[in-house]
Protein backbone atom coordinates (compact mmCIF):
# COMPACT_ATOMS: atom_id res chain seq x y z
CA MET A 1 -28.82 3.46 -26.77
CA ALA A 2 -30.73 3.09 -23.51
CA LYS A 3 -31.74 6.31 -21.82
CA ILE A 4 -30.12 6.65 -18.41
CA SER A 5 -32.18 8.36 -15.71
CA ALA A 6 -30.92 10.48 -12.84
CA ALA A 7 -32.43 7.93 -10.43
CA GLN A 8 -30.27 5.17 -11.95
CA VAL A 9 -27.16 7.30 -11.64
CA LYS A 10 -27.98 8.05 -8.00
CA GLU A 11 -28.60 4.37 -7.24
CA LEU A 12 -25.25 3.38 -8.72
CA ARG A 13 -23.47 6.17 -6.86
CA ASP A 14 -25.08 5.06 -3.59
CA LYS A 15 -23.95 1.48 -4.22
CA THR A 16 -20.38 2.26 -5.18
CA GLY A 17 -19.53 5.73 -3.88
CA VAL A 18 -18.17 6.87 -7.27
CA GLY A 19 -18.60 10.26 -8.90
CA MET A 20 -21.62 11.18 -11.04
CA MET A 21 -19.84 11.08 -14.40
CA ASP A 22 -18.19 7.72 -13.68
CA ALA A 23 -21.57 6.28 -12.70
CA LYS A 24 -23.28 7.62 -15.80
CA LYS A 25 -20.53 6.34 -18.14
CA ALA A 26 -20.74 2.87 -16.62
CA LEU A 27 -24.52 2.78 -17.05
CA VAL A 28 -24.27 3.98 -20.66
CA GLU A 29 -21.64 1.33 -21.37
CA THR A 30 -23.86 -1.43 -19.94
CA GLU A 31 -27.09 -0.01 -21.39
CA GLY A 32 -28.57 0.57 -17.94
CA ASP A 33 -27.77 -2.85 -16.44
CA MET A 34 -27.06 -1.99 -12.79
CA GLU A 35 -25.17 -5.15 -11.86
CA LYS A 36 -22.98 -5.02 -14.96
CA ALA A 37 -22.31 -1.35 -14.27
CA VAL A 38 -21.08 -2.24 -10.77
CA ASP A 39 -18.76 -4.83 -12.34
CA VAL A 40 -17.47 -2.29 -14.87
CA LEU A 41 -16.66 0.17 -12.09
CA ARG A 42 -14.86 -2.52 -10.12
CA GLU A 43 -12.86 -3.47 -13.18
CA LYS A 44 -11.92 0.17 -13.68
CA GLY A 45 -11.02 0.31 -10.01
CA VAL A 46 -8.61 -2.57 -10.50
CA SER A 47 -7.09 -0.74 -13.45
CA LYS A 48 -6.69 2.42 -11.42
CA ALA A 49 -5.18 0.50 -8.53
CA GLU A 50 -2.65 -1.11 -10.88
CA LYS A 51 -1.67 2.28 -12.32
CA LYS A 52 -1.08 3.56 -8.81
CA SER A 53 0.99 0.56 -7.71
CA GLY A 54 4.25 2.46 -8.21
CA ARG A 55 3.27 5.22 -5.84
CA VAL A 56 4.36 5.28 -2.21
CA ALA A 57 1.50 4.90 0.25
CA ALA A 58 3.15 5.94 3.50
CA GLU A 59 0.25 7.69 5.24
CA GLY A 60 -2.79 5.99 6.68
CA ILE A 61 -4.19 4.60 9.92
CA ALA A 62 -3.22 1.90 12.39
CA ALA A 63 -6.10 0.44 14.37
CA VAL A 64 -6.99 -2.26 16.89
CA ALA A 65 -10.14 -4.39 16.93
CA ILE A 66 -10.97 -6.60 19.91
CA LYS A 67 -13.51 -9.41 19.55
CA ASP A 68 -13.93 -11.48 22.71
CA ASN A 69 -10.62 -13.35 23.20
CA LYS A 70 -9.12 -12.27 19.88
CA ALA A 71 -7.64 -8.93 18.87
CA ALA A 72 -6.21 -7.62 15.63
CA ILE A 73 -3.82 -4.73 15.08
CA VAL A 74 -3.90 -3.47 11.50
CA GLU A 75 -2.20 -0.87 9.30
CA ILE A 76 -3.85 0.37 6.10
CA ASN A 77 -2.00 2.92 3.99
CA CYS A 78 -2.92 5.71 1.60
CA GLU A 79 -0.85 8.44 -0.02
CA THR A 80 -1.88 11.59 1.89
CA ASP A 81 -3.08 12.45 5.36
CA SER A 82 -6.07 14.28 3.85
CA VAL A 83 -7.44 10.95 2.56
CA ALA A 84 -6.56 9.25 5.85
CA SER A 85 -8.84 11.73 7.62
CA THR A 86 -11.91 10.99 5.45
CA ASP A 87 -14.84 8.96 6.75
CA LYS A 88 -14.57 6.66 3.71
CA PHE A 89 -11.02 5.64 4.61
CA LYS A 90 -11.67 5.46 8.37
CA ASN A 91 -14.69 3.22 7.81
CA LEU A 92 -12.60 0.91 5.61
CA VAL A 93 -9.96 0.59 8.34
CA THR A 94 -12.57 -0.16 11.01
CA GLU A 95 -14.37 -2.75 8.88
CA VAL A 96 -11.16 -4.52 7.83
CA ALA A 97 -9.79 -4.60 11.40
CA ASP A 98 -13.07 -6.07 12.67
CA LYS A 99 -13.13 -8.67 9.90
CA ILE A 100 -9.52 -9.72 10.54
CA ALA A 101 -10.15 -10.05 14.29
CA GLU A 102 -13.20 -12.23 13.61
CA GLU A 103 -11.75 -14.43 10.85
CA GLU A 104 -8.04 -14.57 11.84
CA PRO A 105 -6.54 -14.88 8.33
CA ALA A 106 -3.00 -16.24 7.96
CA SER A 107 -1.65 -13.67 5.48
CA VAL A 108 -2.42 -10.36 3.78
CA ASP A 109 -3.63 -12.27 0.70
CA ASP A 110 -5.97 -14.33 2.89
CA ALA A 111 -7.22 -11.14 4.54
CA LEU A 112 -7.94 -9.53 1.16
CA ALA A 113 -9.99 -12.59 0.19
CA LEU A 114 -12.29 -12.36 3.24
CA LYS A 115 -15.96 -11.95 2.33
CA THR A 116 -17.68 -8.61 2.99
CA ALA A 117 -21.07 -7.11 2.20
CA ASN A 118 -19.67 -5.69 -1.05
CA GLY A 119 -17.75 -8.80 -2.13
CA THR A 120 -14.31 -9.14 -0.52
CA VAL A 121 -11.91 -6.98 1.45
CA LYS A 122 -9.95 -6.56 -1.79
CA ASP A 123 -13.09 -5.25 -3.51
CA ASP A 124 -13.56 -2.74 -0.70
CA VAL A 125 -9.94 -1.60 -0.99
CA ILE A 126 -10.31 -1.21 -4.76
CA GLU A 127 -13.49 0.81 -4.34
CA THR A 128 -11.79 3.12 -1.84
CA THR A 129 -8.89 3.54 -4.27
CA GLN A 130 -11.37 4.50 -6.98
CA VAL A 131 -13.30 6.96 -4.82
CA THR A 132 -10.25 8.66 -3.27
CA GLY A 133 -7.98 8.55 -6.33
CA GLU A 134 -5.10 7.29 -4.16
CA LYS A 135 -3.30 4.00 -3.79
CA ILE A 136 -4.84 2.17 -0.82
CA SER A 137 -3.18 -0.93 0.61
CA LEU A 138 -3.52 -3.31 3.52
CA ARG A 139 0.11 -3.30 4.62
CA ARG A 140 0.21 -5.59 7.64
CA PHE A 141 -1.66 -7.03 10.59
CA GLN A 142 -1.26 -9.34 13.55
CA VAL A 143 -3.91 -11.34 15.37
CA VAL A 144 -3.49 -12.16 19.07
CA GLU A 145 -5.53 -14.55 21.18
CA LYS A 146 -5.67 -14.30 24.96
CA GLY A 147 -6.57 -16.76 27.67
CA ALA A 148 -9.44 -16.42 30.13
CA ASP A 149 -7.09 -15.12 32.83
CA GLN A 150 -5.46 -12.52 30.58
CA SER A 151 -6.42 -8.94 29.71
CA PHE A 152 -6.30 -6.98 26.46
CA GLY A 153 -5.46 -3.30 26.35
CA SER A 154 -5.16 -1.01 23.35
CA TYR A 155 -4.26 2.61 22.74
CA ILE A 156 -4.51 4.72 19.59
CA HIS A 157 -2.38 7.88 19.36
CA ASN A 158 -2.88 10.90 17.14
CA GLY A 159 -5.87 9.61 15.21
CA GLY A 160 -4.24 6.30 14.35
CA GLN A 161 -0.65 7.29 13.60
CA ILE A 162 0.41 4.87 16.33
CA ALA A 163 -1.49 1.84 17.63
CA ALA A 164 -0.48 -0.39 20.54
CA LEU A 165 -1.95 -3.70 21.69
CA VAL A 166 -0.97 -5.25 25.02
CA VAL A 167 -1.72 -8.58 26.69
CA LEU A 168 -1.35 -8.85 30.46
CA ASP A 169 -1.38 -12.01 32.54
CA GLY A 170 -3.96 -11.12 35.17
CA ALA A 171 -4.73 -7.47 36.11
CA ASP A 172 -7.56 -5.87 34.08
CA SER A 173 -8.31 -4.02 30.84
CA ALA A 174 -7.84 -0.58 32.42
CA THR A 175 -4.30 -1.53 33.53
CA ALA A 176 -3.60 -3.03 30.10
CA LYS A 177 -4.75 0.19 28.42
CA ASP A 178 -2.35 2.21 30.57
CA VAL A 179 0.51 -0.08 29.54
CA ALA A 180 -0.56 0.22 25.89
CA MET A 181 -0.40 4.01 26.26
CA HIS A 182 3.14 3.64 27.59
CA VAL A 183 4.11 1.37 24.68
CA ALA A 184 2.72 3.89 22.18
CA ALA A 185 4.66 6.74 23.79
CA ILE A 186 8.00 5.12 24.67
CA ASN A 187 8.36 2.40 21.99
CA PRO A 188 10.11 -0.43 23.87
CA GLU A 189 11.75 -3.22 21.87
CA TYR A 190 11.24 -6.20 24.21
CA VAL A 191 8.99 -7.14 27.12
CA ASN A 192 11.98 -7.89 29.36
CA ARG A 193 15.76 -8.17 29.15
CA GLU A 194 15.58 -11.96 28.95
CA GLN A 195 14.12 -11.55 25.44
CA VAL A 196 17.14 -9.61 24.14
CA PRO A 197 19.03 -11.90 21.71
CA ALA A 198 22.42 -13.09 22.99
CA ASP A 199 24.28 -11.86 19.91
CA ARG A 200 22.85 -8.37 20.27
CA LEU A 201 23.74 -8.29 23.96
CA ALA A 202 27.29 -9.44 23.18
CA HIS A 203 27.65 -6.80 20.46
CA GLU A 204 26.45 -4.02 22.76
CA LYS A 205 28.83 -5.15 25.50
CA ASP A 206 31.74 -5.18 23.05
CA VAL A 207 30.92 -1.65 21.91
CA LEU A 208 30.68 -0.40 25.50
CA VAL A 209 34.03 -1.98 26.43
CA LYS A 210 35.78 -0.31 23.49
CA GLU A 211 34.04 2.97 24.29
CA ALA A 212 35.25 2.87 27.90
CA LEU A 213 38.83 1.98 26.90
CA ASN A 214 38.86 4.78 24.32
CA GLU A 215 37.82 7.16 27.09
CA GLY A 216 41.06 6.23 28.83
CA LYS A 217 39.41 4.41 31.73
CA PRO A 218 41.67 1.97 33.63
CA GLU A 219 41.04 -1.65 32.63
CA LYS A 220 40.38 -2.66 36.24
CA ILE A 221 37.24 -0.47 36.40
CA VAL A 222 36.09 -0.98 32.81
CA GLU A 223 34.22 -4.19 33.61
CA LYS A 224 32.22 -2.57 36.41
CA MET A 225 31.55 0.51 34.30
CA VAL A 226 30.37 -1.57 31.34
CA GLU A 227 28.07 -3.60 33.59
CA GLY A 228 26.36 -0.39 34.73
CA ARG A 229 26.02 0.98 31.21
CA LEU A 230 24.72 -2.35 29.92
CA ASN A 231 22.04 -2.41 32.62
CA LYS A 232 21.03 1.12 31.72
CA TRP A 233 20.75 0.17 28.03
CA LEU A 234 18.69 -2.92 28.86
CA SER A 235 16.33 -0.87 31.01
CA GLU A 236 15.80 1.56 28.12
CA ILE A 237 14.75 -1.09 25.59
CA SER A 238 12.86 -3.47 27.93
CA LEU A 239 9.25 -2.61 28.73
CA ASP A 240 9.28 -4.14 32.22
CA ASP A 241 12.29 -2.06 33.27
CA GLN A 242 11.21 1.28 31.80
CA GLU A 243 9.99 4.08 34.04
CA PHE A 244 6.21 4.05 33.78
CA VAL A 245 5.10 7.02 31.69
CA LYS A 246 2.30 7.96 34.13
CA ASP A 247 4.44 7.52 37.26
CA SER A 248 8.22 7.72 36.87
CA ASP A 249 8.71 6.57 40.48
CA GLN A 250 7.95 2.99 39.44
CA THR A 251 8.75 0.72 36.53
CA VAL A 252 6.12 -0.72 34.22
CA ALA A 253 6.61 -4.15 35.80
CA HIS A 254 6.03 -2.75 39.30
CA PHE A 255 2.93 -0.87 38.15
CA VAL A 256 1.41 -4.02 36.62
CA GLU A 257 2.38 -6.12 39.65
CA SER A 258 0.58 -3.62 41.90
CA LYS A 259 -2.57 -4.37 39.90
CA GLY A 260 -2.13 -8.13 40.27
CA GLY A 261 -0.65 -8.84 36.85
CA LYS A 262 2.38 -9.32 34.66
CA VAL A 263 3.17 -8.13 31.12
CA GLY A 264 2.67 -10.94 28.61
CA SER A 265 3.25 -9.34 25.21
CA PHE A 266 2.85 -6.16 23.19
CA ILE A 267 2.67 -5.05 19.55
CA ARG A 268 3.20 -1.50 18.33
CA PHE A 269 2.45 -0.24 14.81
CA GLU A 270 3.53 3.21 13.66
CA VAL A 271 2.10 4.25 10.30
CA GLY A 272 4.70 4.28 7.53
CA GLU A 273 7.61 2.97 9.63
CA GLY A 274 10.12 1.27 7.39
CA ILE A 275 8.62 2.69 4.18
CA GLU A 276 11.07 4.67 2.09
CA LYS A 277 9.27 7.85 1.10
CA LYS A 278 10.15 9.11 -2.36
CA ALA A 279 10.67 12.79 -3.18
CA ASP A 280 7.70 14.68 -4.52
CA ASN A 281 7.80 14.60 -8.34
CA PHE A 282 6.35 18.10 -8.56
CA ILE A 283 9.23 19.51 -6.49
CA ASP A 284 11.71 17.69 -8.72
CA GLU A 285 10.10 19.18 -11.83
CA VAL A 286 10.25 22.72 -10.43
CA MET A 287 13.92 22.30 -9.46
CA ASN A 288 14.74 21.04 -12.95
CA GLN A 289 13.01 24.07 -14.48
CA ILE A 290 15.08 26.39 -12.27
CA LYS A 291 18.28 24.64 -13.37
CA ASP A 292 17.29 25.01 -17.05
């Protein structure tokens, strides 16, 4: 059996970020072969990641990376906010967002296959899973490209719990950032009311008509009343019509127009939205013990 030195263990730890005992075991298993030991640790990382695949990773970070005329908004998940706050996890998010903005992959699988200094994005995710002991996953991303006469703006809220990316026609990046801040805070659904699908508009109108009739309003004023309520609803879900969060005396559209621009598009990611969070198993176990 080859004798493993402390220097070898340190070198492997520096390369992979794993714990001392894991590094030593891998070196013993490969009789001191550094490259094979790295492979062994990656293989074990895959195994660990597979074992954790049933867990719910609903914490994490959403981030934006802007590279010239391309920008990427990305969400990477972990299981707890304590891991999300580590430098290891934050660095992974930054590196992956930058890589996606540069390479513009078509899917999550394509993004995971992108080459990095340590192999691929998937390898980096596996390594972070191994080091943190939590399921780590690249959940979603979108890449946006702007024209020469457009402006990007981004805003990150609460350490990456919410990320917003905005494209303006004209104006400047400072104006776009202000709009991104508004998007992060208010969460509009559409840029303007023209984007609201016709079937959704018809459904909302039908609901408002029935609501007004059930209130006992005379039929002759129902139509006018519904028109007012429908306009109010549209202004609440449409970015252009919303009261600007930094100046409620003007709408977002008016604010952007005053800066020589117009809202083109926006994307908003909130970490964990749409993920069904399962109950904590430990709490379930305690409750069962109480019942017994």
